[in-house]
Amino acid sequence: MSKVHNIVIAGLGGQGVLKVTDILAEALFKAGFDVKKSEVHGMSQRGGSVSSEVRYGEEVASPMVPAGEADVLAVLDATQLEVARGVLKAGGAAIVPEDLPLDKLQNPKALNTMMLGAVSNYIDLPVESFIEALKANLPEKLHEMNIEMFYLGRNSR
C-alpha cells in the first residue's frame, strides 16, 4: 500500500479554513493523487473551532486523519494549536501564525493563503499547481493579493 500523507488545518470560524483546504485538495487532485477531505465545524458560525483534514496518496481509504498521524498541522489561530496538537505525528511539522510574516499581511482574510504557502513547502508539487487551484477557487479580483500572500508564506520557512 502506498504512503498516505495527512495535513490538518485548524482555526476559528471565518478564517477560511474550509476554503484553503478546498484549494489544497484541488491542487492535489489535479496532480493525480487520490484525495479525501473532511471537516469539523463545531461552533464555527460564532468564531469557534474549525478544522479540516486532507489526506492524499496513490490510494486513500478514509477521509479522517487518525490521531497522531498528521504530517503537517497548520493553525490559523494560535489558540487552536493545543486543541489540535493530538493529531500531529512525532516529528511532524506544526505551523503557527507567528511563523509567518504577519507584518506583510495585506488583509486578515488572506492569512489562510499565506498559511497555504507555508504548508506547500511540505508537499512535493510544483508551485504552479497551488496557484492554479487558488485561481479556480477565488474571485479574479482576489487573485493578485492572495498569490502574493501565498508566496510570502512559502518563503517564510
C-alpha atoms as a PDB file:
ATOM      1  CA  MET A   1       0.000   0.000   0.000  1.00  0.00           C
ATOM      2  CA  SER A   2       1.297   3.462  -0.871  1.00  0.00           C
ATOM      3  CA  LYS A   3       2.027   6.080   1.736  1.00  0.00           C
ATOM      4  CA  VAL A   4      -0.851   8.375   2.619  1.00  0.00           C
ATOM      5  CA  HIS A   5       0.064  11.945   3.527  1.00  0.00           C
ATOM      6  CA  ASN A   6      -2.013  13.795   6.121  1.00  0.00           C
ATOM      7  CA  ILE A   7      -2.488  17.530   6.509  1.00  0.00           C
ATOM      8  CA  VAL A   8      -4.691  19.213   9.112  1.00  0.00           C
ATOM      9  CA  ILE A   9      -5.588  22.887   9.058  1.00  0.00           C
ATOM     10  CA  ALA A  10      -7.301  24.332  12.118  1.00  0.00           C
ATOM     11  CA  GLY A  11      -8.562  27.754  13.058  1.00  0.00           C
ATOM     12  CA  LEU A  12     -11.637  29.695  14.038  1.00  0.00           C
ATOM     13  CA  GLY A  13     -14.869  30.253  12.153  1.00  0.00           C
ATOM     14  CA  GLY A  14     -14.486  32.888   9.469  1.00  0.00           C
ATOM     15  CA  GLN A  15     -10.745  32.412   8.933  1.00  0.00           C
ATOM     16  CA  GLY A  16     -11.116  30.460   5.692  1.00  0.00           C
ATOM     17  CA  VAL A  17     -10.070  27.033   6.956  1.00  0.00           C
ATOM     18  CA  LEU A  18     -12.517  25.264   4.650  1.00  0.00           C
ATOM     19  CA  LYS A  19     -11.674  27.433   1.640  1.00  0.00           C
ATOM     20  CA  VAL A  20      -7.935  26.853   1.969  1.00  0.00           C
ATOM     21  CA  THR A  21      -8.382  23.088   2.263  1.00  0.00           C
ATOM     22  CA  ASP A  22     -10.609  23.183  -0.834  1.00  0.00           C
ATOM     23  CA  ILE A  23      -7.727  24.872  -2.670  1.00  0.00           C
ATOM     24  CA  LEU A  24      -5.221  22.357  -1.309  1.00  0.00           C
ATOM     25  CA  ALA A  25      -7.406  19.365  -2.178  1.00  0.00           C
ATOM     26  CA  GLU A  26      -7.952  20.638  -5.721  1.00  0.00           C
ATOM     27  CA  ALA A  27      -4.218  21.156  -6.304  1.00  0.00           C
ATOM     28  CA  LEU A  28      -3.514  17.611  -5.138  1.00  0.00           C
ATOM     29  CA  PHE A  29      -6.384  16.089  -7.113  1.00  0.00           C
ATOM     30  CA  LYS A  30      -5.347  17.799 -10.352  1.00  0.00           C
ATOM     31  CA  ALA A  31      -1.818  16.469  -9.788  1.00  0.00           C
ATOM     32  CA  GLY A  32      -3.237  12.945  -9.946  1.00  0.00           C
ATOM     33  CA  PHE A  33      -3.489  12.000  -6.281  1.00  0.00           C
ATOM     34  CA  ASP A  34      -6.406  10.244  -4.651  1.00  0.00           C
ATOM     35  CA  VAL A  35      -7.634  12.917  -2.218  1.00  0.00           C
ATOM     36  CA  LYS A  36     -10.063  12.728   0.681  1.00  0.00           C
ATOM     37  CA  LYS A  37     -11.166  15.732   2.738  1.00  0.00           C
ATOM     38  CA  SER A  38     -13.152  16.021   5.933  1.00  0.00           C
ATOM     39  CA  GLU A  39     -14.087  18.895   8.187  1.00  0.00           C
ATOM     40  CA  VAL A  40     -15.367  19.641  11.664  1.00  0.00           C
ATOM     41  CA  HIS A  41     -17.341  22.861  12.030  1.00  0.00           C
ATOM     42  CA  GLY A  42     -18.177  22.951  15.731  1.00  0.00           C
ATOM     43  CA  MET A  43     -19.421  26.417  16.666  1.00  0.00           C
ATOM     44  CA  SER A  44     -17.803  27.937  13.598  1.00  0.00           C
ATOM     45  CA  GLN A  45     -20.581  30.466  12.980  1.00  0.00           C
ATOM     46  CA  ARG A  46     -19.721  32.036  16.331  1.00  0.00           C
ATOM     47  CA  GLY A  47     -15.964  32.046  15.900  1.00  0.00           C
ATOM     48  CA  GLY A  48     -15.481  28.588  17.392  1.00  0.00           C
ATOM     49  CA  SER A  49     -13.043  25.867  16.391  1.00  0.00           C
ATOM     50  CA  VAL A  50     -12.937  24.642  12.803  1.00  0.00           C
ATOM     51  CA  SER A  51     -10.615  22.009  11.431  1.00  0.00           C
ATOM     52  CA  SER A  52     -10.277  20.368   8.066  1.00  0.00           C
ATOM     53  CA  GLU A  53      -8.241  17.339   7.107  1.00  0.00           C
ATOM     54  CA  VAL A  54      -6.764  16.490   3.723  1.00  0.00           C
ATOM     55  CA  ARG A  55      -5.374  13.040   3.024  1.00  0.00           C
ATOM     56  CA  TYR A  56      -3.690  12.211  -0.247  1.00  0.00           C
ATOM     57  CA  GLY A  57      -1.671   9.464  -1.884  1.00  0.00           C
ATOM     58  CA  GLU A  58      -1.969   6.783  -4.523  1.00  0.00           C
ATOM     59  CA  GLU A  59      -4.993   5.327  -2.735  1.00  0.00           C
ATOM     60  CA  VAL A  60      -6.741   6.798   0.304  1.00  0.00           C
ATOM     61  CA  ALA A  61      -9.425   4.765   2.069  1.00  0.00           C
ATOM     62  CA  SER A  62     -10.705   7.204   4.703  1.00  0.00           C
ATOM     63  CA  PRO A  63     -11.015  10.999   4.885  1.00  0.00           C
ATOM     64  CA  MET A  64     -10.232  11.104   8.616  1.00  0.00           C
ATOM     65  CA  VAL A  65      -6.663  11.614   9.828  1.00  0.00           C
ATOM     66  CA  PRO A  66      -6.028   9.179  12.684  1.00  0.00           C
ATOM     67  CA  ALA A  67      -4.760  10.679  15.946  1.00  0.00           C
ATOM     68  CA  GLY A  68      -1.006  11.097  15.892  1.00  0.00           C
ATOM     69  CA  GLU A  69      -0.654  10.694  12.100  1.00  0.00           C
ATOM     70  CA  ALA A  70      -0.738  14.219  10.632  1.00  0.00           C
ATOM     71  CA  ASP A  71       2.423  15.059   8.718  1.00  0.00           C
ATOM     72  CA  VAL A  72       1.577  18.762   8.886  1.00  0.00           C
ATOM     73  CA  LEU A  73      -0.617  20.706  11.303  1.00  0.00           C
ATOM     74  CA  ALA A  74      -1.233  24.327  10.348  1.00  0.00           C
ATOM     75  CA  VAL A  75      -3.208  26.556  12.697  1.00  0.00           C
ATOM     76  CA  LEU A  76      -4.622  29.909  11.637  1.00  0.00           C
ATOM     77  CA  ASP A  77      -5.140  30.964  15.251  1.00  0.00           C
ATOM     78  CA  ALA A  78      -2.537  30.156  17.896  1.00  0.00           C
ATOM     79  CA  THR A  79      -5.270  29.139  20.373  1.00  0.00           C
ATOM     80  CA  GLN A  80      -6.002  26.121  18.194  1.00  0.00           C
ATOM     81  CA  LEU A  81      -2.520  24.598  18.469  1.00  0.00           C
ATOM     82  CA  GLU A  82      -3.218  22.816  21.753  1.00  0.00           C
ATOM     83  CA  VAL A  83      -6.727  21.888  20.611  1.00  0.00           C
ATOM     84  CA  ALA A  84      -5.393  20.106  17.529  1.00  0.00           C
ATOM     85  CA  ARG A  85      -1.905  19.011  18.636  1.00  0.00           C
ATOM     86  CA  GLY A  86      -3.008  15.401  19.266  1.00  0.00           C
ATOM     87  CA  VAL A  87      -3.390  14.792  15.550  1.00  0.00           C
ATOM     88  CA  LEU A  88       0.278  15.628  14.792  1.00  0.00           C
ATOM     89  CA  LYS A  89       2.692  12.716  14.476  1.00  0.00           C
ATOM     90  CA  ALA A  90       6.058  12.681  16.225  1.00  0.00           C
ATOM     91  CA  GLY A  91       8.411  14.642  14.004  1.00  0.00           C
ATOM     92  CA  GLY A  92       5.538  16.238  12.085  1.00  0.00           C
ATOM     93  CA  ALA A  93       5.526  19.939  11.239  1.00  0.00           C
ATOM     94  CA  ALA A  94       3.414  22.399  13.207  1.00  0.00           C
ATOM     95  CA  ILE A  95       2.958  25.806  11.597  1.00  0.00           C
ATOM     96  CA  VAL A  96       1.527  28.696  13.612  1.00  0.00           C
ATOM     97  CA  PRO A  97       0.758  32.280  12.564  1.00  0.00           C
ATOM     98  CA  GLU A  98       3.872  33.534  14.355  1.00  0.00           C
ATOM     99  CA  ASP A  99       5.947  31.569  11.792  1.00  0.00           C
ATOM    100  CA  LEU A 100       4.615  33.847   9.050  1.00  0.00           C
ATOM    101  CA  PRO A 101       5.450  37.441   8.108  1.00  0.00           C
ATOM    102  CA  LEU A 102       2.227  38.809   9.588  1.00  0.00           C
ATOM    103  CA  ASP A 103       3.522  42.377   9.280  1.00  0.00           C
ATOM    104  CA  LYS A 104       3.126  41.953   5.498  1.00  0.00           C
ATOM    105  CA  LEU A 105      -0.405  40.534   5.658  1.00  0.00           C
ATOM    106  CA  GLN A 106      -2.475  42.881   3.473  1.00  0.00           C
ATOM    107  CA  ASN A 107      -5.842  41.606   4.659  1.00  0.00           C
ATOM    108  CA  PRO A 108      -6.603  39.350   7.659  1.00  0.00           C
ATOM    109  CA  LYS A 109      -8.787  37.207   5.378  1.00  0.00           C
ATOM    110  CA  ALA A 110      -5.682  36.284   3.344  1.00  0.00           C
ATOM    111  CA  LEU A 111      -3.962  34.619   6.309  1.00  0.00           C
ATOM    112  CA  ASN A 112      -5.270  31.295   5.017  1.00  0.00           C
ATOM    113  CA  THR A 113      -3.479  31.645   1.677  1.00  0.00           C
ATOM    114  CA  MET A 114      -0.305  32.789   3.442  1.00  0.00           C
ATOM    115  CA  MET A 115      -0.553  29.634   5.570  1.00  0.00           C
ATOM    116  CA  LEU A 116      -1.145  27.544   2.430  1.00  0.00           C
ATOM    117  CA  GLY A 117       2.126  28.895   1.091  1.00  0.00           C
ATOM    118  CA  ALA A 118       3.919  27.694   4.236  1.00  0.00           C
ATOM    119  CA  VAL A 119       2.199  24.285   4.025  1.00  0.00           C
ATOM    120  CA  SER A 120       3.173  23.951   0.351  1.00  0.00           C
ATOM    121  CA  ASN A 121       6.812  23.579   1.414  1.00  0.00           C
ATOM    122  CA  TYR A 122       5.930  20.124   2.782  1.00  0.00           C
ATOM    123  CA  ILE A 123       4.189  18.913  -0.375  1.00  0.00           C
ATOM    124  CA  ASP A 124       6.014  17.677  -3.450  1.00  0.00           C
ATOM    125  CA  LEU A 125       4.048  19.650  -6.034  1.00  0.00           C
ATOM    126  CA  PRO A 126       5.080  22.442  -8.379  1.00  0.00           C
ATOM    127  CA  VAL A 127       4.086  25.845  -7.039  1.00  0.00           C
ATOM    128  CA  GLU A 128       2.010  26.381 -10.198  1.00  0.00           C
ATOM    129  CA  SER A 129      -0.371  23.635  -9.040  1.00  0.00           C
ATOM    130  CA  PHE A 130      -1.243  25.650  -5.944  1.00  0.00           C
ATOM    131  CA  ILE A 131      -1.606  28.898  -7.895  1.00  0.00           C
ATOM    132  CA  GLU A 132      -3.946  27.282 -10.447  1.00  0.00           C
ATOM    133  CA  ALA A 133      -6.119  25.858  -7.666  1.00  0.00           C
ATOM    134  CA  LEU A 134      -6.127  29.202  -5.855  1.00  0.00           C
ATOM    135  CA  LYS A 135      -7.311  30.966  -9.017  1.00  0.00           C
ATOM    136  CA  ALA A 136     -10.021  28.348  -9.565  1.00  0.00           C
ATOM    137  CA  ASN A 137     -11.405  28.836  -6.047  1.00  0.00           C
ATOM    138  CA  LEU A 138     -11.244  32.610  -5.589  1.00  0.00           C
ATOM    139  CA  PRO A 139     -12.809  35.509  -7.498  1.00  0.00           C
ATOM    140  CA  GLU A 140     -10.458  37.112 -10.013  1.00  0.00           C
ATOM    141  CA  LYS A 141     -10.338  40.389  -8.075  1.00  0.00           C
ATOM    142  CA  LEU A 142      -8.661  38.500  -5.189  1.00  0.00           C
ATOM    143  CA  HIS A 143      -6.060  36.627  -7.236  1.00  0.00           C
ATOM    144  CA  GLU A 144      -3.184  39.110  -7.132  1.00  0.00           C
ATOM    145  CA  MET A 145      -3.271  39.715  -3.373  1.00  0.00           C
ATOM    146  CA  ASN A 146      -3.749  36.044  -2.488  1.00  0.00           C
ATOM    147  CA  ILE A 147      -0.960  34.910  -4.797  1.00  0.00           C
ATOM    148  CA  GLU A 148       1.332  37.445  -3.154  1.00  0.00           C
ATOM    149  CA  MET A 149       0.299  36.178   0.304  1.00  0.00           C
ATOM    150  CA  PHE A 150       0.874  32.579  -0.828  1.00  0.00           C
ATOM    151  CA  TYR A 151       4.460  33.396  -1.862  1.00  0.00           C
ATOM    152  CA  LEU A 152       5.117  35.283   1.391  1.00  0.00           C
ATOM    153  CA  GLY A 153       4.034  32.178   3.318  1.00  0.00           C
ATOM    154  CA  ARG A 154       6.013  29.851   1.075  1.00  0.00           C
ATOM    155  CA  ASN A 155       9.174  31.912   1.503  1.00  0.00           C
ATOM    156  CA  SER A 156       8.768  32.256   5.279  1.00  0.00           C
ATOM    157  CA  ARG A 157      10.201  28.813   6.101  1.00  0.00           C
END
